[in-house]
C-alpha atoms as a PDB file:
ATOM      1  CA  MET A   1     -75.360 -56.236-148.878  1.00  0.00           C
ATOM      2  CA  SER A   2     -72.399 -55.194-146.947  1.00  0.00           C
ATOM      3  CA  ASN A   3     -69.433 -57.310-146.004  1.00  0.00           C
ATOM      4  CA  SER A   4     -69.478 -55.830-142.489  1.00  0.00           C
ATOM      5  CA  THR A   5     -70.785 -58.196-139.859  1.00  0.00           C
ATOM      6  CA  ASN A   6     -71.803 -55.655-137.245  1.00  0.00           C
ATOM      7  CA  GLY A   7     -72.795 -52.853-139.543  1.00  0.00           C
ATOM      8  CA  GLY A   8     -70.892 -50.256-137.524  1.00  0.00           C
ATOM      9  CA  SER A   9     -67.773 -48.294-138.181  1.00  0.00           C
ATOM     10  CA  ARG A  10     -64.316 -49.312-137.080  1.00  0.00           C
ATOM     11  CA  LEU A  11     -64.218 -46.482-134.508  1.00  0.00           C
ATOM     12  CA  ASP A  12     -66.820 -48.031-132.244  1.00  0.00           C
ATOM     13  CA  VAL A  13     -65.371 -48.915-128.848  1.00  0.00           C
ATOM     14  CA  GLY A  14     -66.709 -52.027-127.254  1.00  0.00           C
ATOM     15  CA  PRO A  15     -67.383 -52.599-123.556  1.00  0.00           C
ATOM     16  CA  ARG A  16     -64.053 -54.348-123.179  1.00  0.00           C
ATOM     17  CA  GLN A  17     -62.109 -51.348-124.463  1.00  0.00           C
ATOM     18  CA  ASP A  18     -64.164 -48.990-122.254  1.00  0.00           C
ATOM     19  CA  ARG A  19     -63.193 -51.020-119.216  1.00  0.00           C
ATOM     20  CA  ARG A  20     -59.494 -50.937-120.137  1.00  0.00           C
ATOM     21  CA  LEU A  21     -59.615 -47.181-120.637  1.00  0.00           C
ATOM     22  CA  GLY A  22     -61.341 -46.689-117.268  1.00  0.00           C
ATOM     23  CA  ILE A  23     -58.805 -48.876-115.477  1.00  0.00           C
ATOM     24  CA  GLY A  24     -55.967 -47.000-117.171  1.00  0.00           C
ATOM     25  CA  VAL A  25     -57.350 -43.646-116.012  1.00  0.00           C
ATOM     26  CA  ILE A  26     -57.763 -44.907-112.432  1.00  0.00           C
ATOM     27  CA  VAL A  27     -54.214 -46.308-112.367  1.00  0.00           C
ATOM     28  CA  ALA A  28     -52.819 -43.033-113.729  1.00  0.00           C
ATOM     29  CA  LEU A  29     -54.698 -41.035-111.072  1.00  0.00           C
ATOM     30  CA  LEU A  30     -53.489 -43.343-108.301  1.00  0.00           C
ATOM     31  CA  LEU A  31     -49.897 -42.978-109.488  1.00  0.00           C
ATOM     32  CA  LEU A  32     -50.273 -39.203-109.623  1.00  0.00           C
ATOM     33  CA  VAL A  33     -51.660 -39.129-106.051  1.00  0.00           C
ATOM     34  CA  ALA A  34     -48.853 -41.437-104.839  1.00  0.00           C
ATOM     35  CA  VAL A  35     -46.162 -39.219-106.376  1.00  0.00           C
ATOM     36  CA  GLY A  36     -47.790 -36.136-104.825  1.00  0.00           C
ATOM     37  CA  LEU A  37     -47.924 -37.769-101.373  1.00  0.00           C
ATOM     38  CA  VAL A  38     -44.280 -38.827-101.562  1.00  0.00           C
ATOM     39  CA  TYR A  39     -43.285 -35.296-102.596  1.00  0.00           C
ATOM     40  CA  TYR A  40     -45.302 -33.805 -99.712  1.00  0.00           C
ATOM     41  CA  TRP A  41     -43.787 -36.255 -97.179  1.00  0.00           C
ATOM     42  CA  VAL A  42     -40.202 -35.520 -98.300  1.00  0.00           C
ATOM     43  CA  ASP A  43     -40.845 -31.770 -98.191  1.00  0.00           C
ATOM     44  CA  TRP A  44     -42.496 -32.087 -94.743  1.00  0.00           C
ATOM     45  CA  LYS A  45     -39.529 -34.069 -93.357  1.00  0.00           C
ATOM     46  CA  ASP A  46     -36.988 -31.637 -94.841  1.00  0.00           C
ATOM     47  CA  ALA A  47     -38.761 -28.686 -93.225  1.00  0.00           C
ATOM     48  CA  ARG A  48     -38.288 -30.353 -89.822  1.00  0.00           C
ATOM     49  CA  GLY A  49     -34.786 -31.703 -90.314  1.00  0.00           C
ATOM     50  CA  ASP A  50     -33.132 -29.056 -88.158  1.00  0.00           C
ATOM     51  CA  ARG A  51     -35.197 -29.999 -85.098  1.00  0.00           C
ATOM     52  CA  ARG A  52     -33.390 -33.286 -84.479  1.00  0.00           C
ATOM     53  CA  ASP A  53     -30.310 -31.610 -83.072  1.00  0.00           C
ATOM     54  CA  GLN A  54     -32.137 -28.753 -81.455  1.00  0.00           C
ATOM     55  CA  SER A  55     -30.729 -27.569 -78.176  1.00  0.00           C
ATOM     56  CA  SER A  56     -32.691 -26.528 -75.151  1.00  0.00           C
ATOM     57  CA  GLY A  57     -31.880 -22.866 -75.830  1.00  0.00           C
ATOM     58  CA  ASP A  58     -34.949 -22.284 -78.001  1.00  0.00           C
ATOM     59  CA  TYR A  59     -37.210 -23.860 -75.386  1.00  0.00           C
ATOM     60  CA  LEU A  60     -35.699 -21.722 -72.638  1.00  0.00           C
ATOM     61  CA  LYS A  61     -36.004 -18.573 -74.766  1.00  0.00           C
ATOM     62  CA  THR A  62     -39.713 -19.251 -75.383  1.00  0.00           C
ATOM     63  CA  ARG A  63     -40.277 -19.852 -71.646  1.00  0.00           C
ATOM     64  CA  LYS A  64     -38.350 -16.684 -70.732  1.00  0.00           C
ATOM     65  CA  THR A  65     -40.352 -14.558 -73.182  1.00  0.00           C
ATOM     66  CA  PHE A  66     -43.601 -16.018 -71.810  1.00  0.00           C
ATOM     67  CA  LEU A  67     -42.611 -15.184 -68.212  1.00  0.00           C
ATOM     68  CA  GLU A  68     -41.440 -11.693 -69.209  1.00  0.00           C
ATOM     69  CA  ASP A  69     -44.819 -11.052 -70.854  1.00  0.00           C
ATOM     70  CA  ILE A  70     -46.603 -12.201 -67.697  1.00  0.00           C
ATOM     71  CA  GLU A  71     -44.440 -10.132 -65.362  1.00  0.00           C
ATOM     72  CA  ALA A  72     -44.810  -7.031 -67.571  1.00  0.00           C
ATOM     73  CA  ALA A  73     -48.621  -7.484 -67.634  1.00  0.00           C
ATOM     74  CA  ARG A  74     -48.630  -8.187 -71.387  1.00  0.00           C
ATOM     75  CA  LEU A  75     -51.274 -10.869 -70.950  1.00  0.00           C
ATOM     76  CA  ASP A  76     -52.503 -10.655 -74.548  1.00  0.00           C
ATOM     77  CA  ALA A  77     -49.030 -11.498 -75.818  1.00  0.00           C
ATOM     78  CA  ALA A  78     -48.577 -14.232 -73.194  1.00  0.00           C
ATOM     79  CA  TYR A  79     -51.926 -15.853 -74.017  1.00  0.00           C
ATOM     80  CA  GLN A  80     -51.257 -15.632 -77.769  1.00  0.00           C
ATOM     81  CA  SER A  81     -47.939 -17.438 -77.248  1.00  0.00           C
ATOM     82  CA  THR A  82     -49.806 -20.532 -76.043  1.00  0.00           C
ATOM     83  CA  THR A  83     -50.854 -23.409 -78.291  1.00  0.00           C
ATOM     84  CA  PRO A  84     -54.321 -23.611 -79.818  1.00  0.00           C
ATOM     85  CA  SER A  85     -55.028 -26.732 -77.747  1.00  0.00           C
ATOM     86  CA  PHE A  86     -54.136 -24.845 -74.541  1.00  0.00           C
ATOM     87  CA  GLN A  87     -56.446 -22.013 -75.556  1.00  0.00           C
ATOM     88  CA  SER A  88     -59.270 -24.471 -76.209  1.00  0.00           C
ATOM     89  CA  ARG A  89     -58.827 -26.016 -72.729  1.00  0.00           C
ATOM     90  CA  VAL A  90     -58.079 -22.864 -70.718  1.00  0.00           C
ATOM     91  CA  SER A  91     -60.190 -19.766 -71.195  1.00  0.00           C
ATOM     92  CA  ARG A  92     -58.659 -16.315 -71.146  1.00  0.00           C
ATOM     93  CA  GLY A  93     -60.279 -15.682 -67.750  1.00  0.00           C
ATOM     94  CA  ALA A  94     -58.851 -18.887 -66.246  1.00  0.00           C
ATOM     95  CA  PHE A  95     -55.452 -17.976 -67.681  1.00  0.00           C
ATOM     96  CA  GLU A  96     -55.618 -14.555 -66.028  1.00  0.00           C
ATOM     97  CA  GLU A  97     -56.519 -16.220 -62.714  1.00  0.00           C
ATOM     98  CA  ARG A  98     -53.443 -18.440 -62.920  1.00  0.00           C
ATOM     99  CA  VAL A  99     -51.259 -15.475 -63.772  1.00  0.00           C
ATOM    100  CA  GLY A 100     -52.718 -13.438 -60.904  1.00  0.00           C
ATOM    101  CA  HIS A 101     -52.163 -16.265 -58.433  1.00  0.00           C
ATOM    102  CA  TYR A 102     -48.562 -16.716 -59.593  1.00  0.00           C
ATOM    103  CA  LEU A 103     -47.749 -12.992 -59.520  1.00  0.00           C
ATOM    104  CA  ALA A 104     -49.356 -12.455 -56.097  1.00  0.00           C
ATOM    105  CA  PHE A 105     -47.303 -15.295 -54.611  1.00  0.00           C
ATOM    106  CA  GLN A 106     -44.110 -14.302 -56.402  1.00  0.00           C
ATOM    107  CA  ARG A 107     -44.331 -10.722 -55.114  1.00  0.00           C
ATOM    108  CA  LYS A 108     -44.606 -11.716 -51.459  1.00  0.00           C
ATOM    109  CA  PRO A 109     -41.605 -10.624 -49.390  1.00  0.00           C
ATOM    110  CA  GLY A 110     -38.852 -13.217 -49.177  1.00  0.00           C
ATOM    111  CA  THR A 111     -40.179 -15.390 -52.004  1.00  0.00           C
ATOM    112  CA  GLN A 112     -37.550 -17.453 -53.753  1.00  0.00           C
ATOM    113  CA  VAL A 113     -37.234 -20.512 -55.950  1.00  0.00           C
ATOM    114  CA  VAL A 114     -36.372 -23.464 -53.698  1.00  0.00           C
ATOM    115  CA  ALA A 115     -36.612 -26.342 -56.158  1.00  0.00           C
ATOM    116  CA  GLY A 116     -36.815 -26.955 -59.855  1.00  0.00           C
ATOM    117  CA  ARG A 117     -37.042 -29.836 -62.219  1.00  0.00           C
ATOM    118  CA  ALA A 118     -37.021 -30.277 -65.953  1.00  0.00           C
ATOM    119  CA  SER A 119     -37.943 -32.890 -68.518  1.00  0.00           C
ATOM    120  CA  GLY A 120     -37.246 -32.981 -72.208  1.00  0.00           C
ATOM    121  CA  PRO A 121     -34.130 -31.980 -74.133  1.00  0.00           C
ATOM    122  CA  ILE A 122     -32.685 -29.939 -71.264  1.00  0.00           C
ATOM    123  CA  ALA A 123     -32.832 -32.953 -68.944  1.00  0.00           C
ATOM    124  CA  GLY A 124     -31.315 -35.315 -71.491  1.00  0.00           C
ATOM    125  CA  ASP A 125     -34.628 -36.934 -72.467  1.00  0.00           C
ATOM    126  CA  HIS A 126     -34.471 -37.093 -76.249  1.00  0.00           C
ATOM    127  CA  ARG A 127     -37.454 -39.440 -76.695  1.00  0.00           C
ATOM    128  CA  GLY A 128     -39.810 -36.512 -77.055  1.00  0.00           C
ATOM    129  CA  PRO A 129     -37.774 -33.670 -78.542  1.00  0.00           C
ATOM    130  CA  ASN A 130     -40.867 -31.639 -79.339  1.00  0.00           C
ATOM    131  CA  ARG A 131     -41.535 -30.612 -75.715  1.00  0.00           C
ATOM    132  CA  MET A 132     -39.803 -29.487 -72.570  1.00  0.00           C
ATOM    133  CA  ALA A 133     -41.362 -28.969 -69.144  1.00  0.00           C
ATOM    134  CA  LEU A 134     -39.797 -26.836 -66.431  1.00  0.00           C
ATOM    135  CA  THR A 135     -41.283 -26.726 -62.951  1.00  0.00           C
ATOM    136  CA  ASP A 136     -40.247 -24.290 -60.221  1.00  0.00           C
ATOM    137  CA  THR A 137     -41.264 -24.494 -56.581  1.00  0.00           C
ATOM    138  CA  LEU A 138     -41.393 -21.096 -54.905  1.00  0.00           C
ATOM    139  CA  GLU A 139     -41.425 -20.531 -51.161  1.00  0.00           C
ATOM    140  CA  ASP A 140     -42.440 -17.329 -49.434  1.00  0.00           C
ATOM    141  CA  GLY A 141     -41.031 -15.965 -46.167  1.00  0.00           C
ATOM    142  CA  GLU A 142     -43.659 -17.858 -44.150  1.00  0.00           C
ATOM    143  CA  GLY A 143     -42.853 -21.285 -45.610  1.00  0.00           C
ATOM    144  CA  ASN A 144     -45.829 -21.467 -47.990  1.00  0.00           C
ATOM    145  CA  ARG A 145     -45.042 -23.035 -51.334  1.00  0.00           C
ATOM    146  CA  LEU A 146     -46.335 -22.667 -54.858  1.00  0.00           C
ATOM    147  CA  GLN A 147     -45.477 -24.833 -57.847  1.00  0.00           C
ATOM    148  CA  MET A 148     -45.419 -23.228 -61.289  1.00  0.00           C
ATOM    149  CA  SER A 149     -44.904 -25.355 -64.388  1.00  0.00           C
ATOM    150  CA  ILE A 150     -44.492 -24.318 -68.018  1.00  0.00           C
ATOM    151  CA  THR A 151     -44.369 -26.810 -70.881  1.00  0.00           C
ATOM    152  CA  VAL A 152     -42.931 -25.468 -74.129  1.00  0.00           C
ATOM    153  CA  MET A 153     -43.661 -27.481 -77.253  1.00  0.00           C
ATOM    154  CA  TYR A 154     -44.149 -27.733 -80.956  1.00  0.00           C
ATOM    155  CA  GLU A 155     -47.764 -28.619 -81.647  1.00  0.00           C
ATOM    156  CA  ASP A 156     -47.106 -30.078 -85.062  1.00  0.00           C
ATOM    157  CA  SER A 157     -49.194 -32.074 -87.517  1.00  0.00           C
ATOM    158  CA  ILE A 158     -48.693 -33.796 -90.841  1.00  0.00           C
ATOM    159  CA  LEU A 159     -51.257 -31.296 -92.144  1.00  0.00           C
ATOM    160  CA  TYR A 160     -48.891 -28.353 -91.534  1.00  0.00           C
ATOM    161  CA  ARG A 161     -46.542 -28.177 -94.485  1.00  0.00           C
ATOM    162  CA  ARG A 162     -44.161 -25.853 -92.613  1.00  0.00           C
ATOM    163  CA  PRO A 163     -43.461 -26.296 -88.902  1.00  0.00           C
ATOM    164  CA  PRO A 164     -45.400 -24.063 -86.542  1.00  0.00           C
ATOM    165  CA  PRO A 165     -43.558 -21.858 -84.054  1.00  0.00           C
ATOM    166  CA  MET A 166     -42.642 -23.125 -80.615  1.00  0.00           C
ATOM    167  CA  ARG A 167     -45.355 -22.239 -78.079  1.00  0.00           C
ATOM    168  CA  VAL A 168     -46.357 -22.730 -74.470  1.00  0.00           C
ATOM    169  CA  GLY A 169     -48.492 -25.867 -74.304  1.00  0.00           C
ATOM    170  CA  GLU A 170     -49.201 -25.842 -70.577  1.00  0.00           C
ATOM    171  CA  PHE A 171     -49.032 -23.338 -67.738  1.00  0.00           C
ATOM    172  CA  THR A 172     -50.064 -24.517 -64.290  1.00  0.00           C
ATOM    173  CA  VAL A 173     -49.934 -22.844 -60.905  1.00  0.00           C
ATOM    174  CA  GLU A 174     -50.835 -24.722 -57.741  1.00  0.00           C
ATOM    175  CA  GLU A 175     -50.245 -24.474 -54.028  1.00  0.00           C
ATOM    176  CA  VAL A 176     -48.030 -27.151 -52.518  1.00  0.00           C
ATOM    177  CA  LEU A 177     -49.338 -28.683 -49.306  1.00  0.00           C
ATOM    178  CA  PRO A 178     -46.964 -28.472 -46.342  1.00  0.00           C
ATOM    179  CA  GLN A 179     -45.117 -31.685 -45.655  1.00  0.00           C
ATOM    180  CA  ALA A 180     -45.299 -33.468 -42.347  1.00  0.00           C
ATOM    181  CA  PRO A 181     -42.331 -32.864 -40.044  1.00  0.00           C
ATOM    182  CA  GLY A 182     -39.463 -35.267 -40.640  1.00  0.00           C
ATOM    183  CA  LYS A 183     -40.558 -36.169 -44.199  1.00  0.00           C
ATOM    184  CA  PRO A 184     -38.575 -34.891 -47.175  1.00  0.00           C
END
């Protein structure tokens, strides 16, 4: 007879030791995932650190390039400079209609910009530094008005490790109804 009570070797691992090993592996994996997420978050924040003090110049440059593309009939370049969400909402055909309406009105004799407004960094609104909207009201020689608005933005996500380029997020063109006499 043997002096061994269980008849097995000393290398056998019992259910209790299996459980400890499994818990240890899970804890190690969770720690590894946590370290990876912290590293990703720090890297993501560092890649966007220069945007906090960003001036309105970059927004205005993007808007100017967009308008130059439209006025030079480079509609492919203009449409490609819009955000993916804009492109999903506004088809290429609808975009071309807006551009055509804007250009036709702008080219009327005596057309000039009579009013403008801005929101975002250029207007001192630093709550949403990732977008700027500029709206111009044009008036032709006959007193008809058209309002054209361009919103320039960063369409960013935590899933983008590096920041995407600044793009046009909205482009609207609409006729302005004449105001009643005596009303501003």
